PDB file of N, CA and C in Angstrom:
ATOM      1  N   MET A   1      29.292 -18.460 -39.392  1.00  0.00           N
ATOM      2  CA  MET A   1      29.778 -18.037 -38.120  1.00  0.00           C
ATOM      3  C   MET A   1      28.951 -17.014 -37.518  1.00  0.00           C
ATOM      4  N   ILE A   2      28.605 -15.979 -38.186  1.00  0.00           N
ATOM      5  CA  ILE A   2      27.761 -14.854 -37.727  1.00  0.00           C
ATOM      6  C   ILE A   2      26.353 -15.363 -37.381  1.00  0.00           C
ATOM      7  N   ALA A   3      25.834 -16.312 -38.235  1.00  0.00           N
ATOM      8  CA  ALA A   3      24.501 -16.797 -38.003  1.00  0.00           C
ATOM      9  C   ALA A   3      24.479 -17.642 -36.702  1.00  0.00           C
ATOM     10  N   ALA A   4      25.517 -18.316 -36.383  1.00  0.00           N
ATOM     11  CA  ALA A   4      25.593 -19.043 -35.135  1.00  0.00           C
ATOM     12  C   ALA A   4      25.544 -18.071 -33.890  1.00  0.00           C
ATOM     13  N   ALA A   5      26.263 -16.947 -34.068  1.00  0.00           N
ATOM     14  CA  ALA A   5      26.392 -15.976 -32.971  1.00  0.00           C
ATOM     15  C   ALA A   5      25.002 -15.368 -32.767  1.00  0.00           C
ATOM     16  N   VAL A   6      24.301 -15.060 -33.873  1.00  0.00           N
ATOM     17  CA  VAL A   6      23.016 -14.424 -33.838  1.00  0.00           C
ATOM     18  C   VAL A   6      21.974 -15.422 -33.309  1.00  0.00           C
ATOM     19  N   LEU A   7      22.141 -16.680 -33.582  1.00  0.00           N
ATOM     20  CA  LEU A   7      21.217 -17.737 -33.074  1.00  0.00           C
ATOM     21  C   LEU A   7      21.416 -17.935 -31.516  1.00  0.00           C
ATOM     22  N   ALA A   8      22.649 -17.906 -31.105  1.00  0.00           N
ATOM     23  CA  ALA A   8      23.010 -18.117 -29.666  1.00  0.00           C
ATOM     24  C   ALA A   8      22.460 -16.867 -28.934  1.00  0.00           C
ATOM     25  N   THR A   9      22.564 -15.662 -29.493  1.00  0.00           N
ATOM     26  CA  THR A   9      22.086 -14.516 -28.761  1.00  0.00           C
ATOM     27  C   THR A   9      20.460 -14.529 -28.679  1.00  0.00           C
ATOM     28  N   ALA A  10      19.860 -15.042 -29.734  1.00  0.00           N
ATOM     29  CA  ALA A  10      18.418 -15.131 -29.725  1.00  0.00           C
ATOM     30  C   ALA A  10      17.931 -16.203 -28.755  1.00  0.00           C
ATOM     31  N   ILE A  11      18.572 -17.271 -28.582  1.00  0.00           N
ATOM     32  CA  ILE A  11      18.283 -18.378 -27.603  1.00  0.00           C
ATOM     33  C   ILE A  11      18.492 -17.777 -26.157  1.00  0.00           C
ATOM     34  N   LEU A  12      19.503 -17.003 -25.932  1.00  0.00           N
ATOM     35  CA  LEU A  12      19.699 -16.487 -24.570  1.00  0.00           C
ATOM     36  C   LEU A  12      18.687 -15.444 -24.283  1.00  0.00           C
ATOM     37  N   ALA A  13      18.207 -14.680 -25.224  1.00  0.00           N
ATOM     38  CA  ALA A  13      17.250 -13.663 -25.013  1.00  0.00           C
ATOM     39  C   ALA A  13      15.864 -14.256 -24.673  1.00  0.00           C
ATOM     40  N   GLN A  14      15.645 -15.448 -25.197  1.00  0.00           N
ATOM     41  CA  GLN A  14      14.322 -16.087 -25.022  1.00  0.00           C
ATOM     42  C   GLN A  14      14.242 -16.780 -23.559  1.00  0.00           C
ATOM     43  N   GLN A  15      15.318 -17.084 -22.940  1.00  0.00           N
ATOM     44  CA  GLN A  15      15.371 -17.618 -21.625  1.00  0.00           C
ATOM     45  C   GLN A  15      14.780 -16.737 -20.587  1.00  0.00           C
ATOM     46  N   PRO A  16      13.832 -17.247 -19.807  1.00  0.00           N
ATOM     47  CA  PRO A  16      13.326 -16.460 -18.735  1.00  0.00           C
ATOM     48  C   PRO A  16      14.304 -15.960 -17.740  1.00  0.00           C
ATOM     49  N   ALA A  17      14.123 -14.823 -17.191  1.00  0.00           N
ATOM     50  CA  ALA A  17      15.028 -14.265 -16.206  1.00  0.00           C
ATOM     51  C   ALA A  17      14.805 -15.130 -14.928  1.00  0.00           C
ATOM     52  N   LYS A  18      15.915 -15.211 -14.227  1.00  0.00           N
ATOM     53  CA  LYS A  18      15.883 -16.100 -13.026  1.00  0.00           C
ATOM     54  C   LYS A  18      14.998 -15.358 -11.900  1.00  0.00           C
ATOM     55  N   PRO A  19      14.019 -16.020 -11.351  1.00  0.00           N
ATOM     56  CA  PRO A  19      13.169 -15.364 -10.404  1.00  0.00           C
ATOM     57  C   PRO A  19      13.982 -14.890  -9.149  1.00  0.00           C
ATOM     58  N   PRO A  20      13.595 -13.845  -8.551  1.00  0.00           N
ATOM     59  CA  PRO A  20      14.345 -13.382  -7.302  1.00  0.00           C
ATOM     60  C   PRO A  20      14.282 -14.446  -6.200  1.00  0.00           C
ATOM     61  N   ASP A  21      15.350 -14.511  -5.444  1.00  0.00           N
ATOM     62  CA  ASP A  21      15.487 -15.425  -4.399  1.00  0.00           C
ATOM     63  C   ASP A  21      14.722 -14.946  -3.181  1.00  0.00           C
ATOM     64  N   VAL A  22      13.488 -15.366  -2.934  1.00  0.00           N
ATOM     65  CA  VAL A  22      12.737 -14.931  -1.784  1.00  0.00           C
ATOM     66  C   VAL A  22      12.103 -16.233  -1.115  1.00  0.00           C
ATOM     67  N   THR A  23      12.293 -16.188   0.177  1.00  0.00           N
ATOM     68  CA  THR A  23      11.645 -17.211   0.960  1.00  0.00           C
ATOM     69  C   THR A  23      10.186 -16.774   1.178  1.00  0.00           C
ATOM     70  N   LEU A  24       9.242 -17.812   0.719  1.00  0.00           N
ATOM     71  CA  LEU A  24       7.818 -17.507   0.760  1.00  0.00           C
ATOM     72  C   LEU A  24       7.105 -18.433   1.723  1.00  0.00           C
ATOM     73  N   MET A  25       6.258 -17.753   2.585  1.00  0.00           N
ATOM     74  CA  MET A  25       5.422 -18.549   3.486  1.00  0.00           C
ATOM     75  C   MET A  25       3.958 -18.183   3.172  1.00  0.00           C
ATOM     76  N   LYS A  26       3.152 -19.179   2.960  1.00  0.00           N
ATOM     77  CA  LYS A  26       1.680 -18.954   2.729  1.00  0.00           C
ATOM     78  C   LYS A  26       0.989 -19.295   4.047  1.00  0.00           C
ATOM     79  N   ALA A  27       0.665 -18.257   4.739  1.00  0.00           N
ATOM     80  CA  ALA A  27       0.021 -18.411   6.055  1.00  0.00           C
ATOM     81  C   ALA A  27      -1.383 -18.974   6.042  1.00  0.00           C
ATOM     82  N   ALA A  28      -2.130 -18.698   4.974  1.00  0.00           N
ATOM     83  CA  ALA A  28      -3.459 -19.189   4.853  1.00  0.00           C
ATOM     84  C   ALA A  28      -4.302 -18.949   6.041  1.00  0.00           C
ATOM     85  N   LEU A  29      -4.335 -17.697   6.533  1.00  0.00           N
ATOM     86  CA  LEU A  29      -5.176 -17.315   7.663  1.00  0.00           C
ATOM     87  C   LEU A  29      -6.459 -16.585   7.279  1.00  0.00           C
ATOM     88  N   GLY A  30      -6.868 -16.816   6.014  1.00  0.00           N
ATOM     89  CA  GLY A  30      -8.189 -16.357   5.580  1.00  0.00           C
ATOM     90  C   GLY A  30      -8.154 -14.813   5.069  1.00  0.00           C
ATOM     91  N   GLY A  31      -7.064 -14.395   4.624  1.00  0.00           N
ATOM     92  CA  GLY A  31      -6.996 -13.055   4.130  1.00  0.00           C
ATOM     93  C   GLY A  31      -6.109 -12.859   2.886  1.00  0.00           C
ATOM     94  N   SER A  32      -6.069 -11.683   2.379  1.00  0.00           N
ATOM     95  CA  SER A  32      -5.281 -11.462   1.213  1.00  0.00           C
ATOM     96  C   SER A  32      -4.052 -10.520   1.471  1.00  0.00           C
ATOM     97  N   CYS A  33      -3.819 -10.177   2.727  1.00  0.00           N
ATOM     98  CA  CYS A  33      -2.705  -9.272   3.100  1.00  0.00           C
ATOM     99  C   CYS A  33      -1.368  -9.975   3.058  1.00  0.00           C
ATOM    100  N   SER A  34      -0.316  -9.278   2.981  1.00  0.00           N
ATOM    101  CA  SER A  34       1.025  -9.747   2.944  1.00  0.00           C
ATOM    102  C   SER A  34       2.062  -8.816   3.575  1.00  0.00           C
ATOM    103  N   ALA A  35       3.237  -9.373   3.732  1.00  0.00           N
ATOM    104  CA  ALA A  35       4.341  -8.603   4.264  1.00  0.00           C
ATOM    105  C   ALA A  35       5.533  -9.069   3.550  1.00  0.00           C
ATOM    106  N   ASP A  36       6.308  -8.086   3.035  1.00  0.00           N
ATOM    107  CA  ASP A  36       7.611  -8.316   2.384  1.00  0.00           C
ATOM    108  C   ASP A  36       8.786  -7.698   3.216  1.00  0.00           C
ATOM    109  N   PHE A  37       9.865  -8.529   3.338  1.00  0.00           N
ATOM    110  CA  PHE A  37      10.993  -8.055   4.192  1.00  0.00           C
ATOM    111  C   PHE A  37      12.256  -8.115   3.347  1.00  0.00           C
ATOM    112  N   THR A  38      13.127  -7.126   3.458  1.00  0.00           N
ATOM    113  CA  THR A  38      14.443  -7.156   2.944  1.00  0.00           C
ATOM    114  C   THR A  38      15.274  -6.826   4.088  1.00  0.00           C
ATOM    115  N   VAL A  39      16.173  -7.770   4.535  1.00  0.00           N
ATOM    116  CA  VAL A  39      17.015  -7.565   5.766  1.00  0.00           C
ATOM    117  C   VAL A  39      18.498  -7.447   5.355  1.00  0.00           C
ATOM    118  N   LYS A  40      19.069  -6.365   5.747  1.00  0.00           N
ATOM    119  CA  LYS A  40      20.537  -6.024   5.439  1.00  0.00           C
ATOM    120  C   LYS A  40      21.280  -5.863   6.724  1.00  0.00           C
ATOM    121  N   ASP A  41      22.582  -6.034   6.642  1.00  0.00           N
ATOM    122  CA  ASP A  41      23.421  -5.757   7.824  1.00  0.00           C
ATOM    123  C   ASP A  41      23.823  -4.225   7.797  1.00  0.00           C
ATOM    124  N   ALA A  42      24.608  -3.786   8.767  1.00  0.00           N
ATOM    125  CA  ALA A  42      24.972  -2.328   8.801  1.00  0.00           C
ATOM    126  C   ALA A  42      25.720  -1.932   7.639  1.00  0.00           C
ATOM    127  N   GLY A  43      26.395  -2.849   6.955  1.00  0.00           N
ATOM    128  CA  GLY A  43      27.132  -2.500   5.706  1.00  0.00           C
ATOM    129  C   GLY A  43      26.310  -2.566   4.451  1.00  0.00           C
ATOM    130  N   GLY A  44      25.060  -2.858   4.514  1.00  0.00           N
ATOM    131  CA  GLY A  44      24.156  -2.877   3.468  1.00  0.00           C
ATOM    132  C   GLY A  44      24.098  -4.186   2.700  1.00  0.00           C
ATOM    133  N   LYS A  45      24.777  -5.271   3.231  1.00  0.00           N
ATOM    134  CA  LYS A  45      24.758  -6.612   2.615  1.00  0.00           C
ATOM    135  C   LYS A  45      23.574  -7.405   3.074  1.00  0.00           C
ATOM    136  N   PRO A  46      22.968  -8.214   2.183  1.00  0.00           N
ATOM    137  CA  PRO A  46      21.784  -9.049   2.566  1.00  0.00           C
ATOM    138  C   PRO A  46      22.164 -10.026   3.753  1.00  0.00           C
ATOM    139  N   VAL A  47      21.224 -10.202   4.654  1.00  0.00           N
ATOM    140  CA  VAL A  47      21.394 -11.115   5.761  1.00  0.00           C
ATOM    141  C   VAL A  47      20.673 -12.408   5.519  1.00  0.00           C
ATOM    142  N   TYR A  48      21.422 -13.521   5.409  1.00  0.00           N
ATOM    143  CA  TYR A  48      20.884 -14.887   5.176  1.00  0.00           C
ATOM    144  C   TYR A  48      20.420 -15.451   6.472  1.00  0.00           C
ATOM    145  N   ALA A  49      19.304 -16.109   6.529  1.00  0.00           N
ATOM    146  CA  ALA A  49      18.752 -16.819   7.624  1.00  0.00           C
ATOM    147  C   ALA A  49      18.484 -15.916   8.867  1.00  0.00           C
ATOM    148  N   ALA A  50      18.103 -14.704   8.577  1.00  0.00           N
ATOM    149  CA  ALA A  50      17.564 -13.872   9.680  1.00  0.00           C
ATOM    150  C   ALA A  50      16.091 -14.326   9.866  1.00  0.00           C
ATOM    151  N   MET A  51      15.708 -14.456  11.173  1.00  0.00           N
ATOM    152  CA  MET A  51      14.431 -15.052  11.498  1.00  0.00           C
ATOM    153  C   MET A  51      13.345 -13.829  11.661  1.00  0.00           C
ATOM    154  N   VAL A  52      12.260 -14.024  10.844  1.00  0.00           N
ATOM    155  CA  VAL A  52      11.146 -13.065  10.822  1.00  0.00           C
ATOM    156  C   VAL A  52      10.020 -13.771  11.622  1.00  0.00           C
ATOM    157  N   HIS A  53       9.592 -13.159  12.765  1.00  0.00           N
ATOM    158  CA  HIS A  53       8.628 -13.847  13.636  1.00  0.00           C
ATOM    159  C   HIS A  53       7.456 -12.809  13.944  1.00  0.00           C
ATOM    160  N   VAL A  54       6.263 -13.335  14.024  1.00  0.00           N
ATOM    161  CA  VAL A  54       5.116 -12.551  14.463  1.00  0.00           C
ATOM    162  C   VAL A  54       4.092 -13.456  15.107  1.00  0.00           C
ATOM    163  N   ARG A  55       3.367 -12.900  16.122  1.00  0.00           N
ATOM    164  CA  ARG A  55       2.179 -13.577  16.681  1.00  0.00           C
ATOM    165  C   ARG A  55       1.009 -12.791  16.121  1.00  0.00           C
ATOM    166  N   VAL A  56       0.147 -13.447  15.327  1.00  0.00           N
ATOM    167  CA  VAL A  56      -1.081 -12.817  14.771  1.00  0.00           C
ATOM    168  C   VAL A  56      -2.208 -13.104  15.647  1.00  0.00           C
ATOM    169  N   ARG A  57      -2.992 -12.042  15.948  1.00  0.00           N
ATOM    170  CA  ARG A  57      -4.206 -12.153  16.647  1.00  0.00           C
ATOM    171  C   ARG A  57      -5.394 -11.699  15.765  1.00  0.00           C
ATOM    172  N   TYR A  58      -6.294 -12.534  15.470  1.00  0.00           N
ATOM    173  CA  TYR A  58      -7.289 -12.142  14.550  1.00  0.00           C
ATOM    174  C   TYR A  58      -8.576 -12.877  14.849  1.00  0.00           C
ATOM    175  N   GLY A  59      -9.629 -12.633  14.123  1.00  0.00           N
ATOM    176  CA  GLY A  59     -11.026 -13.204  14.344  1.00  0.00           C
ATOM    177  C   GLY A  59     -11.770 -12.302  15.343  1.00  0.00           C
ATOM    178  N   PHE A  60     -12.900 -12.637  15.689  1.00  0.00           N
ATOM    179  CA  PHE A  60     -13.761 -11.876  16.593  1.00  0.00           C
ATOM    180  C   PHE A  60     -13.106 -11.766  17.925  1.00  0.00           C
ATOM    181  N   GLY A  61     -12.797 -10.486  18.313  1.00  0.00           N
ATOM    182  CA  GLY A  61     -12.171 -10.293  19.601  1.00  0.00           C
ATOM    183  C   GLY A  61     -10.712 -10.709  19.726  1.00  0.00           C
ATOM    184  N   GLY A  62     -10.086 -11.102  18.473  1.00  0.00           N
ATOM    185  CA  GLY A  62      -8.697 -11.497  18.511  1.00  0.00           C
ATOM    186  C   GLY A  62      -8.480 -12.783  19.220  1.00  0.00           C
ATOM    187  N   VAL A  63      -9.521 -13.692  19.247  1.00  0.00           N
ATOM    188  CA  VAL A  63      -9.402 -14.903  19.935  1.00  0.00           C
ATOM    189  C   VAL A  63      -8.525 -15.947  19.190  1.00  0.00           C
ATOM    190  N   LYS A  64      -8.441 -15.870  17.909  1.00  0.00           N
ATOM    191  CA  LYS A  64      -7.598 -16.753  17.075  1.00  0.00           C
ATOM    192  C   LYS A  64      -6.201 -16.195  17.152  1.00  0.00           C
ATOM    193  N   ARG A  65      -5.284 -17.135  17.249  1.00  0.00           N
ATOM    194  CA  ARG A  65      -3.835 -16.759  17.278  1.00  0.00           C
ATOM    195  C   ARG A  65      -3.074 -17.703  16.492  1.00  0.00           C
ATOM    196  N   ALA A  66      -1.895 -17.142  15.874  1.00  0.00           N
ATOM    197  CA  ALA A  66      -0.997 -17.965  15.072  1.00  0.00           C
ATOM    198  C   ALA A  66       0.365 -17.309  15.232  1.00  0.00           C
ATOM    199  N   ASP A  67       1.386 -18.167  15.490  1.00  0.00           N
ATOM    200  CA  ASP A  67       2.724 -17.798  15.456  1.00  0.00           C
ATOM    201  C   ASP A  67       3.340 -18.172  14.131  1.00  0.00           C
ATOM    202  N   LEU A  68       3.975 -17.124  13.508  1.00  0.00           N
ATOM    203  CA  LEU A  68       4.585 -17.370  12.151  1.00  0.00           C
ATOM    204  C   LEU A  68       6.010 -17.083  12.252  1.00  0.00           C
ATOM    205  N   GLU A  69       6.823 -17.855  11.613  1.00  0.00           N
ATOM    206  CA  GLU A  69       8.290 -17.641  11.616  1.00  0.00           C
ATOM    207  C   GLU A  69       8.853 -18.163  10.259  1.00  0.00           C
ATOM    208  N   VAL A  70       9.650 -17.284   9.638  1.00  0.00           N
ATOM    209  CA  VAL A  70      10.293 -17.646   8.357  1.00  0.00           C
ATOM    210  C   VAL A  70      11.709 -17.118   8.375  1.00  0.00           C
ATOM    211  N   GLY A  71      12.655 -17.726   7.670  1.00  0.00           N
ATOM    212  CA  GLY A  71      13.969 -17.232   7.537  1.00  0.00           C
ATOM    213  C   GLY A  71      14.207 -16.561   6.243  1.00  0.00           C
ATOM    214  N   THR A  72      15.104 -15.636   6.158  1.00  0.00           N
ATOM    215  CA  THR A  72      15.342 -14.923   4.918  1.00  0.00           C
ATOM    216  C   THR A  72      16.242 -15.740   3.985  1.00  0.00           C
ATOM    217  N   SER A  73      16.055 -15.429   2.691  1.00  0.00           N
ATOM    218  CA  SER A  73      16.907 -16.057   1.712  1.00  0.00           C
ATOM    219  C   SER A  73      18.274 -15.566   1.565  1.00  0.00           C
ATOM    220  N   ALA A  74      19.123 -16.015   0.661  1.00  0.00           N
ATOM    221  CA  ALA A  74      20.429 -15.614   0.492  1.00  0.00           C
ATOM    222  C   ALA A  74      20.502 -14.082   0.108  1.00  0.00           C
ATOM    223  N   GLU A  75      19.404 -13.589  -0.454  1.00  0.00           N
ATOM    224  CA  GLU A  75      19.282 -12.168  -0.784  1.00  0.00           C
ATOM    225  C   GLU A  75      18.727 -11.361   0.358  1.00  0.00           C
ATOM    226  N   GLY A  76      18.491 -11.954   1.513  1.00  0.00           N
ATOM    227  CA  GLY A  76      17.866 -11.282   2.623  1.00  0.00           C
ATOM    228  C   GLY A  76      16.466 -11.011   2.506  1.00  0.00           C
ATOM    229  N   LYS A  77      15.712 -11.758   1.715  1.00  0.00           N
ATOM    230  CA  LYS A  77      14.274 -11.505   1.484  1.00  0.00           C
ATOM    231  C   LYS A  77      13.396 -12.564   1.932  1.00  0.00           C
ATOM    232  N   ALA A  78      12.194 -12.118   2.438  1.00  0.00           N
ATOM    233  CA  ALA A  78      11.204 -13.079   2.905  1.00  0.00           C
ATOM    234  C   ALA A  78       9.864 -12.448   2.621  1.00  0.00           C
ATOM    235  N   ARG A  79       8.831 -13.267   2.283  1.00  0.00           N
ATOM    236  CA  ARG A  79       7.484 -12.774   2.031  1.00  0.00           C
ATOM    237  C   ARG A  79       6.543 -13.710   2.675  1.00  0.00           C
ATOM    238  N   ILE A  80       5.511 -13.096   3.350  1.00  0.00           N
ATOM    239  CA  ILE A  80       4.432 -13.871   4.007  1.00  0.00           C
ATOM    240  C   ILE A  80       3.146 -13.478   3.343  1.00  0.00           C
ATOM    241  N   GLU A  81       2.404 -14.385   2.765  1.00  0.00           N
ATOM    242  CA  GLU A  81       1.086 -14.208   2.133  1.00  0.00           C
ATOM    243  C   GLU A  81       0.029 -14.836   2.963  1.00  0.00           C
ATOM    244  N   GLY A  82      -1.243 -14.367   2.647  1.00  0.00           N
ATOM    245  CA  GLY A  82      -2.344 -14.994   3.270  1.00  0.00           C
ATOM    246  C   GLY A  82      -2.668 -14.506   4.667  1.00  0.00           C
ATOM    247  N   LEU A  83      -2.173 -13.363   5.061  1.00  0.00           N
ATOM    248  CA  LEU A  83      -2.453 -12.773   6.382  1.00  0.00           C
ATOM    249  C   LEU A  83      -3.857 -12.228   6.355  1.00  0.00           C
ATOM    250  N   PRO A  84      -4.487 -12.356   7.602  1.00  0.00           N
ATOM    251  CA  PRO A  84      -5.886 -11.856   7.681  1.00  0.00           C
ATOM    252  C   PRO A  84      -6.032 -10.400   7.377  1.00  0.00           C
ATOM    253  N   ASP A  85      -7.120 -10.062   6.660  1.00  0.00           N
ATOM    254  CA  ASP A  85      -7.450  -8.664   6.346  1.00  0.00           C
ATOM    255  C   ASP A  85      -7.784  -7.891   7.630  1.00  0.00           C
ATOM    256  N   LYS A  86      -8.350  -8.491   8.590  1.00  0.00           N
ATOM    257  CA  LYS A  86      -8.691  -7.799   9.882  1.00  0.00           C
ATOM    258  C   LYS A  86      -7.927  -8.577  10.964  1.00  0.00           C
ATOM    259  N   ALA A  87      -7.052  -7.834  11.619  1.00  0.00           N
ATOM    260  CA  ALA A  87      -6.273  -8.384  12.648  1.00  0.00           C
ATOM    261  C   ALA A  87      -5.742  -7.231  13.517  1.00  0.00           C
ATOM    262  N   ARG A  88      -5.429  -7.534  14.746  1.00  0.00           N
ATOM    263  CA  ARG A  88      -4.795  -6.481  15.579  1.00  0.00           C
ATOM    264  C   ARG A  88      -3.465  -6.205  15.014  1.00  0.00           C
ATOM    265  N   PRO A  89      -2.935  -4.886  15.276  1.00  0.00           N
ATOM    266  CA  PRO A  89      -1.639  -4.503  14.820  1.00  0.00           C
ATOM    267  C   PRO A  89      -0.567  -5.597  15.221  1.00  0.00           C
ATOM    268  N   MET A  90       0.313  -5.858  14.284  1.00  0.00           N
ATOM    269  CA  MET A  90       1.322  -7.013  14.490  1.00  0.00           C
ATOM    270  C   MET A  90       2.650  -6.345  14.593  1.00  0.00           C
ATOM    271  N   THR A  91       3.458  -6.865  15.570  1.00  0.00           N
ATOM    272  CA  THR A  91       4.846  -6.462  15.684  1.00  0.00           C
ATOM    273  C   THR A  91       5.747  -7.636  15.168  1.00  0.00           C
ATOM    274  N   TRP A  92       6.407  -7.351  14.050  1.00  0.00           N
ATOM    275  CA  TRP A  92       7.302  -8.356  13.531  1.00  0.00           C
ATOM    276  C   TRP A  92       8.706  -8.206  14.204  1.00  0.00           C
ATOM    277  N   ASP A  93       9.231  -9.333  14.641  1.00  0.00           N
ATOM    278  CA  ASP A  93      10.468  -9.365  15.330  1.00  0.00           C
ATOM    279  C   ASP A  93      11.504 -10.012  14.297  1.00  0.00           C
ATOM    280  N   ILE A  94      12.454  -9.212  13.854  1.00  0.00           N
ATOM    281  CA  ILE A  94      13.488  -9.692  12.951  1.00  0.00           C
ATOM    282  C   ILE A  94      14.753  -9.806  13.646  1.00  0.00           C
ATOM    283  N   ARG A  95      15.456 -11.058  13.622  1.00  0.00           N
ATOM    284  CA  ARG A  95      16.637 -11.159  14.444  1.00  0.00           C
ATOM    285  C   ARG A  95      17.613 -12.076  13.746  1.00  0.00           C
ATOM    286  N   LYS A  96      18.870 -11.850  14.014  1.00  0.00           N
ATOM    287  CA  LYS A  96      19.971 -12.668  13.588  1.00  0.00           C
ATOM    288  C   LYS A  96      21.082 -12.560  14.625  1.00  0.00           C
ATOM    289  N   ASP A  97      21.451 -13.710  15.282  1.00  0.00           N
ATOM    290  CA  ASP A  97      22.335 -13.726  16.403  1.00  0.00           C
ATOM    291  C   ASP A  97      21.908 -12.784  17.470  1.00  0.00           C
ATOM    292  N   GLU A  98      22.696 -11.805  17.909  1.00  0.00           N
ATOM    293  CA  GLU A  98      22.283 -10.869  18.923  1.00  0.00           C
ATOM    294  C   GLU A  98      21.633  -9.590  18.453  1.00  0.00           C
ATOM    295  N   LYS A  99      21.548  -9.456  17.162  1.00  0.00           N
ATOM    296  CA  LYS A  99      20.933  -8.289  16.529  1.00  0.00           C
ATOM    297  C   LYS A  99      19.481  -8.465  16.346  1.00  0.00           C
ATOM    298  N   ARG A 100      18.628  -7.349  16.639  1.00  0.00           N
ATOM    299  CA  ARG A 100      17.201  -7.533  16.553  1.00  0.00           C
ATOM    300  C   ARG A 100      16.596  -6.179  16.185  1.00  0.00           C
ATOM    301  N   VAL A 101      15.515  -6.194  15.422  1.00  0.00           N
ATOM    302  CA  VAL A 101      14.760  -4.992  15.007  1.00  0.00           C
ATOM    303  C   VAL A 101      13.238  -5.431  15.011  1.00  0.00           C
ATOM    304  N   ASP A 102      12.458  -4.487  15.532  1.00  0.00           N
ATOM    305  CA  ASP A 102      11.000  -4.737  15.457  1.00  0.00           C
ATOM    306  C   ASP A 102      10.352  -3.741  14.481  1.00  0.00           C
ATOM    307  N   VAL A 103       9.382  -4.137  13.731  1.00  0.00           N
ATOM    308  CA  VAL A 103       8.590  -3.239  12.911  1.00  0.00           C
ATOM    309  C   VAL A 103       7.079  -3.612  13.124  1.00  0.00           C
ATOM    310  N   THR A 104       6.232  -2.681  12.932  1.00  0.00           N
ATOM    311  CA  THR A 104       4.747  -2.911  13.203  1.00  0.00           C
ATOM    312  C   THR A 104       4.006  -2.752  11.943  1.00  0.00           C
ATOM    313  N   GLN A 105       3.043  -3.671  11.789  1.00  0.00           N
ATOM    314  CA  GLN A 105       2.087  -3.612  10.624  1.00  0.00           C
ATOM    315  C   GLN A 105       0.674  -3.552  11.122  1.00  0.00           C
ATOM    316  N   ASP A 106      -0.034  -2.541  10.751  1.00  0.00           N
ATOM    317  CA  ASP A 106      -1.460  -2.368  11.105  1.00  0.00           C
ATOM    318  C   ASP A 106      -2.284  -2.693   9.874  1.00  0.00           C
ATOM    319  N   MET A 107      -3.061  -3.722   9.784  1.00  0.00           N
ATOM    320  CA  MET A 107      -3.692  -4.124   8.574  1.00  0.00           C
ATOM    321  C   MET A 107      -4.681  -3.012   8.073  1.00  0.00           C
ATOM    322  N   ALA A 108      -5.231  -2.230   8.967  1.00  0.00           N
ATOM    323  CA  ALA A 108      -6.203  -1.125   8.545  1.00  0.00           C
ATOM    324  C   ALA A 108      -5.434  -0.112   7.683  1.00  0.00           C
ATOM    325  N   ASP A 109      -4.176   0.069   7.940  1.00  0.00           N
ATOM    326  CA  ASP A 109      -3.359   1.115   7.206  1.00  0.00           C
ATOM    327  C   ASP A 109      -2.539   0.450   6.090  1.00  0.00           C
ATOM    328  N   MET A 110      -2.016  -0.687   6.312  1.00  0.00           N
ATOM    329  CA  MET A 110      -1.092  -1.282   5.242  1.00  0.00           C
ATOM    330  C   MET A 110      -1.309  -2.847   5.209  1.00  0.00           C
ATOM    331  N   CYS A 111      -2.227  -3.182   4.335  1.00  0.00           N
ATOM    332  CA  CYS A 111      -2.574  -4.593   4.176  1.00  0.00           C
ATOM    333  C   CYS A 111      -1.392  -5.293   3.422  1.00  0.00           C
ATOM    334  N   HIS A 112      -0.756  -4.627   2.514  1.00  0.00           N
ATOM    335  CA  HIS A 112       0.471  -5.155   1.702  1.00  0.00           C
ATOM    336  C   HIS A 112       1.713  -4.239   2.136  1.00  0.00           C
ATOM    337  N   ALA A 113       2.311  -4.722   3.144  1.00  0.00           N
ATOM    338  CA  ALA A 113       3.472  -3.975   3.664  1.00  0.00           C
ATOM    339  C   ALA A 113       4.817  -4.372   3.137  1.00  0.00           C
ATOM    340  N   THR A 114       5.680  -3.432   3.000  1.00  0.00           N
ATOM    341  CA  THR A 114       7.054  -3.719   2.571  1.00  0.00           C
ATOM    342  C   THR A 114       8.001  -3.101   3.633  1.00  0.00           C
ATOM    343  N   PHE A 115       8.887  -3.968   4.152  1.00  0.00           N
ATOM    344  CA  PHE A 115       9.815  -3.459   5.183  1.00  0.00           C
ATOM    345  C   PHE A 115      11.275  -3.680   4.711  1.00  0.00           C
ATOM    346  N   ASP A 116      12.065  -2.548   4.675  1.00  0.00           N
ATOM    347  CA  ASP A 116      13.468  -2.653   4.453  1.00  0.00           C
ATOM    348  C   ASP A 116      14.092  -2.428   5.819  1.00  0.00           C
ATOM    349  N   VAL A 117      14.739  -3.510   6.362  1.00  0.00           N
ATOM    350  CA  VAL A 117      15.248  -3.519   7.700  1.00  0.00           C
ATOM    351  C   VAL A 117      16.780  -3.613   7.716  1.00  0.00           C
ATOM    352  N   THR A 118      17.425  -2.820   8.675  1.00  0.00           N
ATOM    353  CA  THR A 118      18.864  -2.913   8.821  1.00  0.00           C
ATOM    354  C   THR A 118      19.079  -3.434  10.239  1.00  0.00           C
ATOM    355  N   LEU A 119      19.801  -4.591  10.282  1.00  0.00           N
ATOM    356  CA  LEU A 119      20.231  -5.155  11.608  1.00  0.00           C
ATOM    357  C   LEU A 119      21.498  -4.461  12.080  1.00  0.00           C
ATOM    358  N   LYS A 120      21.500  -3.921  13.283  1.00  0.00           N
ATOM    359  CA  LYS A 120      22.685  -3.260  13.796  1.00  0.00           C
ATOM    360  C   LYS A 120      23.057  -3.848  15.098  1.00  0.00           C
TER     361      LYS A 120
END
């Protein structure tokens, strides 16, 4: 009986932890920069399906443009990878229903940005 309990505990310990619930977008815009978002409501609870949007202007003179939009996961998380290393400062628009927040990312200062956002 004790051997069975020890065996069950050993099997549970070997199982990999569940990966975090994050919506991932691979932008593939020729760079290695990224942006991570955690979106919560005024009460501190994760916001599901908040839309994270940005217009990226990059390339010589900012002539290349791309609109990116991704929704947050059940844990209120979203990650965008593959952003250009050199781009004009980007203003991320995070919204859900009538609530909206803007945050800015300047690639020269923060190639790998993390934003904790509260929608009010």
